[in-house]
């Protein structure tokens, strides 16, 4: 273990921000399964005015140094939309967060987490949920299973040792998040096929793909269903209007009409499923850099993605239909239609669904019914301050 006193200082100015971003690339360079984010994306995440999270959150970034060497980093933040939620949903008054942890060793990690906790206490927080980097909608949780393969787009990947550091500081699991992997080249079990066929014969059911020409309307519809479907979920935090516009702009380059389905029942949109081609497959070899030629490679890939993996980051069924047979039937139909398109149009062979809360019985049952299995597990930890 390295020797020398660890000094923690708040991030201040461009040089510190650059050091904060650079550290992740250095610490994770030897991990073959870590996906270096594009540097412009990493910078955007931590910059007020670029990331709308800052409009409803207090954020403080910290760097750890030994002498002149940067050896660690962490973010501490309070999401005011999250603390306004009912405590029964996981967040609520007095709950702060930390995330974006990178540390050369346990001594550094301990010092950084202690400083983040101190900052949160100073802001009146009495509890911490972590790691969350930085919004619950971005990269929540510490990876505890699935270190042997890269994460898909918008999923985190941290060293296993961080989990040991966190637990040793008295943090207890608050919630487990699972992702499910499946071989999409295989047809679903006969029972599921019969459920899908039955739905196709039902004149009240219509499964349609979104229309890119009506992108804003479709995005608003999906978010309306999402807010209704997820509103009682653990950890739910509503999107702000600015975040909705930001997400729409960010997703637009990788959105494909035939990979996002809306289910209508008696003419009313009641469910949706969003699937994204795994952008991480394209950016992993780039090392975070767009220059000199990676920008051209990325543009070419975006024109017609060919990927191994498709990720289902979001799906939802209106609350009044949840736990019904119809909800499961619509989900199976949307998954099947997207599965066919993913194979035919994009050459995909693998799907990943998640994250899904460990106690979301409906979604876990759907995932298991189509012969998928848990491939990654993340834990969000809880600690009183």
Protein backbone atom coordinates (compact mmCIF):
# COMPACT_ATOMS: atom_id res chain seq x y z
CA UNK A 1 0.00 0.00 0.00
CA UNK A 2 1.24 3.49 -0.88
CA UNK A 3 2.58 5.61 1.95
CA UNK A 4 2.00 9.27 2.69
CA UNK A 5 -0.79 11.43 4.04
CA UNK A 6 -4.02 11.56 2.01
CA UNK A 7 -5.28 15.11 1.52
CA UNK A 8 -8.89 15.63 0.39
CA UNK A 9 -9.78 18.90 -1.33
CA UNK A 10 -12.91 20.18 -3.10
CA UNK A 11 -12.67 20.30 -6.89
CA UNK A 12 -12.05 23.86 -7.98
CA UNK A 13 -11.37 25.05 -11.50
CA UNK A 14 -10.64 23.42 -14.85
CA UNK A 15 -7.42 21.68 -13.81
CA UNK A 16 -9.17 19.89 -10.95
CA UNK A 17 -12.08 18.89 -13.19
CA UNK A 18 -9.65 17.45 -15.72
CA UNK A 19 -7.84 15.55 -12.94
CA UNK A 20 -11.20 14.24 -11.68
CA UNK A 21 -12.05 12.88 -15.15
CA UNK A 22 -8.54 11.61 -16.00
CA UNK A 23 -8.26 9.53 -12.84
CA UNK A 24 -10.96 7.04 -13.88
CA UNK A 25 -9.10 6.23 -17.11
CA UNK A 26 -5.84 5.65 -15.25
CA UNK A 27 -7.22 3.56 -12.39
CA UNK A 28 -9.32 1.34 -14.66
CA UNK A 29 -6.84 1.05 -17.53
CA UNK A 30 -5.85 -2.52 -16.61
CA UNK A 31 -9.46 -3.78 -16.41
CA UNK A 32 -10.28 -5.39 -19.78
CA UNK A 33 -14.01 -5.11 -19.09
CA UNK A 34 -14.14 -1.42 -18.16
CA UNK A 35 -15.61 0.74 -20.93
CA UNK A 36 -13.92 4.16 -21.11
CA UNK A 37 -16.68 6.76 -21.51
CA UNK A 38 -16.22 9.40 -24.17
CA UNK A 39 -14.38 12.23 -22.44
CA UNK A 40 -16.90 14.80 -23.63
CA UNK A 41 -19.64 12.72 -21.92
CA UNK A 42 -17.61 12.36 -18.71
CA UNK A 43 -17.06 16.13 -18.63
CA UNK A 44 -20.73 16.87 -19.34
CA UNK A 45 -21.80 14.67 -16.41
CA UNK A 46 -19.96 16.77 -13.82
CA UNK A 47 -20.49 20.23 -15.33
CA UNK A 48 -23.24 22.61 -14.14
CA UNK A 49 -25.05 24.10 -17.12
CA UNK A 50 -24.47 20.97 -19.18
CA UNK A 51 -26.04 18.30 -16.94
CA UNK A 52 -29.57 19.33 -15.85
CA UNK A 53 -29.17 17.26 -12.67
CA UNK A 54 -27.41 20.33 -11.21
CA UNK A 55 -30.65 22.33 -11.54
CA UNK A 56 -32.24 20.35 -8.69
CA UNK A 57 -29.19 19.06 -6.82
CA UNK A 58 -26.36 20.34 -4.63
CA UNK A 59 -23.14 18.69 -5.80
CA UNK A 60 -19.59 18.78 -4.45
CA UNK A 61 -16.72 16.92 -6.10
CA UNK A 62 -13.60 15.98 -4.14
CA UNK A 63 -10.09 14.89 -5.09
CA UNK A 64 -7.65 12.89 -2.95
CA UNK A 65 -3.92 13.52 -3.26
CA UNK A 66 -0.72 12.07 -1.87
CA UNK A 67 1.80 14.80 -2.38
CA UNK A 68 1.27 16.03 -5.94
CA UNK A 69 -0.32 12.78 -7.15
CA UNK A 70 -4.10 12.50 -7.56
CA UNK A 71 -5.03 9.13 -6.04
CA UNK A 72 -8.82 9.27 -5.65
CA UNK A 73 -12.08 11.08 -6.32
CA UNK A 74 -15.72 11.13 -5.16
CA UNK A 75 -18.90 13.17 -5.65
CA UNK A 76 -21.26 14.07 -2.81
CA UNK A 77 -24.73 15.25 -3.75
CA UNK A 78 -28.23 16.00 -2.52
CA UNK A 79 -31.01 15.56 -5.06
CA UNK A 80 -33.85 17.86 -3.99
CA UNK A 81 -36.37 15.95 -6.11
CA UNK A 82 -35.31 12.74 -4.32
CA UNK A 83 -35.56 14.14 -0.81
CA UNK A 84 -39.06 15.40 -1.60
CA UNK A 85 -40.23 11.82 -2.20
CA UNK A 86 -42.01 9.64 0.36
CA UNK A 87 -39.41 7.88 2.59
CA UNK A 88 -41.19 4.56 1.96
CA UNK A 89 -39.83 4.74 -1.59
CA UNK A 90 -36.22 4.69 -0.47
CA UNK A 91 -35.20 8.32 -0.71
CA UNK A 92 -37.04 11.03 1.23
CA UNK A 93 -36.03 13.87 3.59
CA UNK A 94 -32.52 13.76 5.03
CA UNK A 95 -31.12 11.34 2.42
CA UNK A 96 -27.94 12.30 0.60
CA UNK A 97 -25.74 10.38 -1.82
CA UNK A 98 -22.21 9.92 -2.96
CA UNK A 99 -20.87 8.36 -6.14
CA UNK A 100 -18.23 8.43 -8.90
CA UNK A 101 -15.80 6.81 -6.47
CA UNK A 102 -12.31 5.96 -7.72
CA UNK A 103 -9.49 5.16 -5.30
CA UNK A 104 -6.02 3.67 -5.56
CA UNK A 105 -6.41 1.82 -2.25
CA UNK A 106 -8.62 1.39 0.81
CA UNK A 107 -7.02 4.21 2.80
CA UNK A 108 -7.87 6.64 0.01
CA UNK A 109 -11.42 5.28 -0.35
CA UNK A 110 -12.02 5.59 3.40
CA UNK A 111 -10.83 9.18 3.44
CA UNK A 112 -12.98 10.12 0.44
CA UNK A 113 -16.14 8.49 1.78
CA UNK A 114 -15.60 10.09 5.19
CA UNK A 115 -15.26 13.50 3.51
CA UNK A 116 -18.43 12.96 1.46
CA UNK A 117 -20.31 11.94 4.61
CA UNK A 118 -19.01 15.01 6.45
CA UNK A 119 -20.20 17.27 3.61
CA UNK A 120 -23.65 15.64 3.63
CA UNK A 121 -23.95 16.00 7.42
CA UNK A 122 -22.99 19.65 7.08
CA UNK A 123 -25.93 20.07 4.70
CA UNK A 124 -28.34 18.58 7.25
CA UNK A 125 -28.49 15.04 5.89
CA UNK A 126 -28.89 12.17 8.38
CA UNK A 127 -28.62 9.21 6.00
CA UNK A 128 -26.70 8.24 2.89
CA UNK A 129 -27.62 5.94 -0.01
CA UNK A 130 -24.62 5.10 -2.18
CA UNK A 131 -23.07 4.70 -4.61
CA UNK A 132 -25.31 6.62 -6.99
CA UNK A 133 -23.50 8.35 -9.85
CA UNK A 134 -25.11 10.91 -9.83
CA UNK A 135 -28.84 10.55 -10.48
CA UNK A 136 -30.75 7.31 -9.82
CA UNK A 137 -31.41 7.34 -13.59
CA UNK A 138 -27.69 7.25 -14.44
CA UNK A 139 -25.44 4.59 -12.83
CA UNK A 140 -26.84 3.44 -9.47
CA UNK A 141 -25.21 0.80 -7.30
CA UNK A 142 -21.90 -0.97 -6.75
CA UNK A 143 -21.27 -3.96 -9.00
CA UNK A 144 -21.09 -7.17 -6.92
CA UNK A 145 -21.54 -9.82 -9.64
CA UNK A 146 -20.63 -9.82 -13.32
CA UNK A 147 -17.06 -8.50 -13.28
CA UNK A 148 -16.11 -10.89 -16.09
CA UNK A 149 -17.82 -9.03 -18.94
CA UNK A 150 -18.30 -5.38 -19.94
CA UNK A 151 -21.39 -3.39 -18.96
CA UNK A 152 -23.90 -2.37 -21.58
CA UNK A 153 -24.72 1.23 -22.42
CA UNK A 154 -25.55 3.36 -19.36
CA UNK A 155 -24.57 0.68 -16.81
CA UNK A 156 -21.74 0.98 -14.30
CA UNK A 157 -18.65 -1.18 -13.81
CA UNK A 158 -16.52 -0.73 -10.68
CA UNK A 159 -13.63 -2.75 -9.22
CA UNK A 160 -14.69 -5.56 -6.87
CA UNK A 161 -12.48 -4.19 -4.09
CA UNK A 162 -14.70 -1.10 -3.77
CA UNK A 163 -17.49 -3.35 -2.50
CA UNK A 164 -15.22 -4.57 0.32
CA UNK A 165 -14.27 -0.98 1.19
CA UNK A 166 -17.92 0.12 1.40
CA UNK A 167 -19.06 -2.80 3.57
CA UNK A 168 -16.11 -2.36 5.95
CA UNK A 169 -17.34 1.17 6.71
CA UNK A 170 -20.65 -0.10 8.12
CA UNK A 171 -22.81 0.27 5.02
CA UNK A 172 -25.73 -2.17 4.76
CA UNK A 173 -27.50 -3.26 1.54
CA UNK A 174 -30.62 -1.16 0.91
CA UNK A 175 -31.60 -2.58 -2.45
CA UNK A 176 -30.26 -5.02 -5.04
CA UNK A 177 -30.59 -4.32 -8.75
CA UNK A 178 -30.31 -7.15 -11.28
CA UNK A 179 -29.74 -7.27 -15.01
CA UNK A 180 -30.83 -10.29 -17.02
CA UNK A 181 -29.09 -11.75 -20.06
CA UNK A 182 -30.70 -13.86 -22.75
CA UNK A 183 -29.82 -15.53 -26.03
CA UNK A 184 -32.20 -13.78 -28.41
CA UNK A 185 -31.45 -16.16 -31.28
CA UNK A 186 -33.56 -18.79 -29.51
CA UNK A 187 -37.33 -18.71 -29.71
CA UNK A 188 -39.19 -18.28 -26.45
CA UNK A 189 -40.67 -21.31 -24.63
CA UNK A 190 -43.90 -22.74 -26.16
CA UNK A 191 -46.11 -21.28 -23.40
CA UNK A 192 -44.84 -17.76 -24.08
CA UNK A 193 -45.31 -18.27 -27.83
CA UNK A 194 -48.95 -19.25 -27.20
CA UNK A 195 -49.50 -16.14 -25.05
CA UNK A 196 -48.06 -13.98 -27.85
CA UNK A 197 -50.18 -15.72 -30.51
CA UNK A 198 -53.29 -15.21 -28.38
CA UNK A 199 -52.52 -11.49 -28.12
CA UNK A 200 -52.08 -11.22 -31.87
CA UNK A 201 -55.62 -12.55 -32.34
CA UNK A 202 -57.08 -10.03 -29.88
CA UNK A 203 -58.49 -7.05 -31.84
CA UNK A 204 -58.24 -4.86 -28.73
CA UNK A 205 -54.43 -5.15 -28.69
CA UNK A 206 -52.09 -3.29 -31.02
CA UNK A 207 -48.31 -3.31 -30.74
CA UNK A 208 -46.67 -0.56 -32.78
CA UNK A 209 -43.21 0.88 -33.15
CA UNK A 210 -42.59 4.54 -32.43
CA UNK A 211 -42.50 7.09 -35.22
CA UNK A 212 -39.20 8.95 -35.44
CA UNK A 213 -40.88 11.78 -37.35
CA UNK A 214 -42.96 12.42 -34.21
CA UNK A 215 -40.02 12.03 -31.83
CA UNK A 216 -41.07 14.70 -29.33
CA UNK A 217 -44.66 13.43 -29.12
CA UNK A 218 -43.54 9.83 -28.75
CA UNK A 219 -40.99 10.77 -26.07
CA UNK A 220 -43.67 12.65 -24.13
CA UNK A 221 -46.02 9.65 -24.38
CA UNK A 222 -43.36 7.22 -23.15
CA UNK A 223 -42.44 9.48 -20.23
CA UNK A 224 -46.11 9.81 -19.30
CA UNK A 225 -46.46 6.01 -19.13
CA UNK A 226 -43.10 5.75 -17.32
CA UNK A 227 -44.04 8.25 -14.63
CA UNK A 228 -47.33 6.43 -14.02
CA UNK A 229 -45.80 2.94 -14.13
CA UNK A 230 -42.78 3.69 -11.91
CA UNK A 231 -44.28 6.26 -9.53
CA UNK A 232 -44.57 3.80 -6.62
CA UNK A 233 -41.22 2.09 -7.27
CA UNK A 234 -38.38 2.17 -4.77
CA UNK A 235 -35.92 4.90 -5.71
CA UNK A 236 -38.25 6.63 -8.16
CA UNK A 237 -37.42 10.28 -8.79
CA UNK A 238 -39.48 12.19 -11.38
CA UNK A 239 -37.77 13.70 -14.42
CA UNK A 240 -37.66 17.50 -14.58
CA UNK A 241 -38.77 19.15 -17.84
CA UNK A 242 -35.15 20.05 -18.62
CA UNK A 243 -34.06 16.46 -18.04
CA UNK A 244 -36.75 15.22 -20.43
CA UNK A 245 -35.44 17.52 -23.18
CA UNK A 246 -31.84 16.57 -22.35
CA UNK A 247 -32.60 12.83 -22.44
CA UNK A 248 -34.42 13.20 -25.75
CA UNK A 249 -31.46 14.98 -27.31
CA UNK A 250 -28.99 12.46 -25.88
CA UNK A 251 -30.93 9.37 -26.92
CA UNK A 252 -31.92 10.57 -30.39
CA UNK A 253 -28.73 9.38 -32.18
CA UNK A 254 -29.16 5.78 -30.93
CA UNK A 255 -32.96 5.56 -30.98
CA UNK A 256 -34.28 3.17 -33.61
CA UNK A 257 -37.99 3.10 -34.44
CA UNK A 258 -38.12 -0.69 -34.70
CA UNK A 259 -36.52 -1.18 -31.26
CA UNK A 260 -39.05 0.86 -29.26
CA UNK A 261 -42.58 -0.47 -28.99
CA UNK A 262 -45.81 1.01 -27.65
CA UNK A 263 -48.67 -1.30 -26.68
CA UNK A 264 -52.20 0.00 -27.15
CA UNK A 265 -55.31 -1.52 -25.62
CA UNK A 266 -58.66 -0.44 -27.02
CA UNK A 267 -56.84 2.43 -28.72
CA UNK A 268 -55.12 3.73 -25.58
CA UNK A 269 -51.32 3.56 -25.16
CA UNK A 270 -50.84 1.56 -21.96
CA UNK A 271 -47.29 0.17 -22.11
CA UNK A 272 -43.93 0.70 -23.78
CA UNK A 273 -40.56 -0.97 -24.13
CA UNK A 274 -37.38 0.88 -25.04
CA UNK A 275 -34.42 -1.03 -26.44
CA UNK A 276 -31.03 0.46 -27.34
CA UNK A 277 -28.22 -1.00 -29.42
CA UNK A 278 -25.22 -1.37 -27.10
CA UNK A 279 -23.25 1.78 -27.81
CA UNK A 280 -20.51 0.50 -25.46
CA UNK A 281 -19.48 -2.03 -28.11
CA UNK A 282 -18.68 0.86 -30.46
CA UNK A 283 -16.94 3.18 -27.99
CA UNK A 284 -14.93 0.63 -25.95
CA UNK A 285 -11.99 0.54 -28.43
CA UNK A 286 -11.88 4.34 -28.59
CA UNK A 287 -10.39 4.85 -25.12
CA UNK A 288 -12.65 7.82 -24.52
CA UNK A 289 -11.21 9.85 -27.43
CA UNK A 290 -13.07 11.13 -30.50
CA UNK A 291 -9.97 12.39 -32.32
CA UNK A 292 -8.42 11.95 -34.78
CA UNK A 293 -10.75 9.45 -36.54
CA UNK A 294 -13.03 7.94 -33.90
CA UNK A 295 -15.75 10.54 -34.56
CA UNK A 296 -16.02 9.28 -38.15
CA UNK A 297 -16.16 5.64 -36.99
CA UNK A 298 -18.90 6.51 -34.50
CA UNK A 299 -20.97 8.39 -37.08
CA UNK A 300 -20.70 5.43 -39.43
CA UNK A 301 -21.78 3.04 -36.66
CA UNK A 302 -24.72 5.25 -35.69
CA UNK A 303 -25.99 5.21 -39.27
CA UNK A 304 -26.57 1.46 -39.15
CA UNK A 305 -25.50 -0.17 -35.89
CA UNK A 306 -24.38 -3.78 -36.04
CA UNK A 307 -24.16 -5.09 -32.50
CA UNK A 308 -23.99 -8.28 -30.49
CA UNK A 309 -26.09 -6.90 -27.63
CA UNK A 310 -29.33 -5.00 -27.24
CA UNK A 311 -30.23 -3.47 -23.88
CA UNK A 312 -33.74 -2.91 -22.54
CA UNK A 313 -33.18 -0.04 -20.05
CA UNK A 314 -36.82 0.94 -19.65
CA UNK A 315 -40.25 -0.56 -19.88
CA UNK A 316 -43.48 0.26 -18.15
CA UNK A 317 -47.15 -0.65 -17.93
CA UNK A 318 -49.73 1.75 -16.60
CA UNK A 319 -50.29 1.24 -12.90
CA UNK A 320 -53.91 0.13 -13.15
CA UNK A 321 -52.89 -2.84 -15.34
CA UNK A 322 -49.87 -3.96 -13.34
CA UNK A 323 -49.96 -7.52 -11.99
CA UNK A 324 -52.61 -8.41 -14.58
CA UNK A 325 -52.38 -11.14 -17.21
CA UNK A 326 -52.77 -8.45 -19.86
CA UNK A 327 -49.65 -6.64 -18.61
CA UNK A 328 -47.55 -9.81 -18.97
CA UNK A 329 -49.03 -10.54 -22.38
CA UNK A 330 -48.21 -7.05 -23.67
CA UNK A 331 -44.67 -7.32 -22.29
CA UNK A 332 -44.07 -10.68 -23.98
CA UNK A 333 -45.43 -9.34 -27.29
CA UNK A 334 -43.21 -6.25 -27.22
CA UNK A 335 -40.14 -8.30 -26.29
CA UNK A 336 -40.83 -10.76 -29.12
CA UNK A 337 -41.32 -8.09 -31.79
CA UNK A 338 -38.16 -6.29 -30.73
CA UNK A 339 -36.28 -9.62 -30.60
CA UNK A 340 -37.14 -10.34 -34.23
CA UNK A 341 -36.12 -6.86 -35.38
CA UNK A 342 -32.88 -6.95 -33.38
CA UNK A 343 -31.79 -10.16 -35.10
CA UNK A 344 -32.96 -9.28 -38.59
CA UNK A 345 -31.91 -5.63 -38.81
CA UNK A 346 -28.90 -5.38 -36.48
CA UNK A 347 -27.37 -8.87 -36.31
CA UNK A 348 -27.84 -9.00 -32.53
CA UNK A 349 -27.53 -12.31 -30.69
CA UNK A 350 -27.79 -11.23 -27.05
CA UNK A 351 -30.19 -9.18 -24.99
CA UNK A 352 -29.86 -7.56 -21.60
CA UNK A 353 -32.87 -6.45 -19.56
CA UNK A 354 -32.42 -4.17 -16.60
CA UNK A 355 -31.80 -2.98 -14.16
CA UNK A 356 -34.71 -4.62 -12.29
CA UNK A 357 -35.29 -4.27 -8.55
CA UNK A 358 -34.80 -7.55 -6.68
CA UNK A 359 -38.35 -7.37 -5.32
CA UNK A 360 -40.10 -6.36 -8.55
CA UNK A 361 -41.92 -9.67 -8.79
CA UNK A 362 -43.72 -8.92 -12.04
CA UNK A 363 -40.63 -7.98 -14.03
CA UNK A 364 -38.49 -10.73 -12.52
CA UNK A 365 -41.18 -13.28 -13.45
CA UNK A 366 -41.27 -12.00 -17.05
CA UNK A 367 -37.48 -12.17 -17.31
CA UNK A 368 -37.41 -15.73 -15.96
CA UNK A 369 -40.30 -16.87 -18.19
CA UNK A 370 -38.29 -16.08 -21.35
CA UNK A 371 -35.33 -18.16 -20.10
CA UNK A 372 -33.07 -15.22 -19.22
CA UNK A 373 -30.68 -15.37 -16.29
CA UNK A 374 -29.09 -12.81 -13.96
CA UNK A 375 -25.72 -11.72 -15.34
CA UNK A 376 -24.94 -8.62 -13.28
CA UNK A 377 -25.91 -7.58 -9.76
CA UNK A 378 -25.55 -4.10 -8.27
CA UNK A 379 -26.12 -3.07 -4.64
CA UNK A 380 -27.15 0.34 -3.32
CA UNK A 381 -25.96 0.67 0.28
CA UNK A 382 -27.50 2.54 3.21
CA UNK A 383 -25.87 4.12 6.25
CA UNK A 384 -27.11 6.52 8.96
CA UNK A 385 -25.04 9.67 9.32
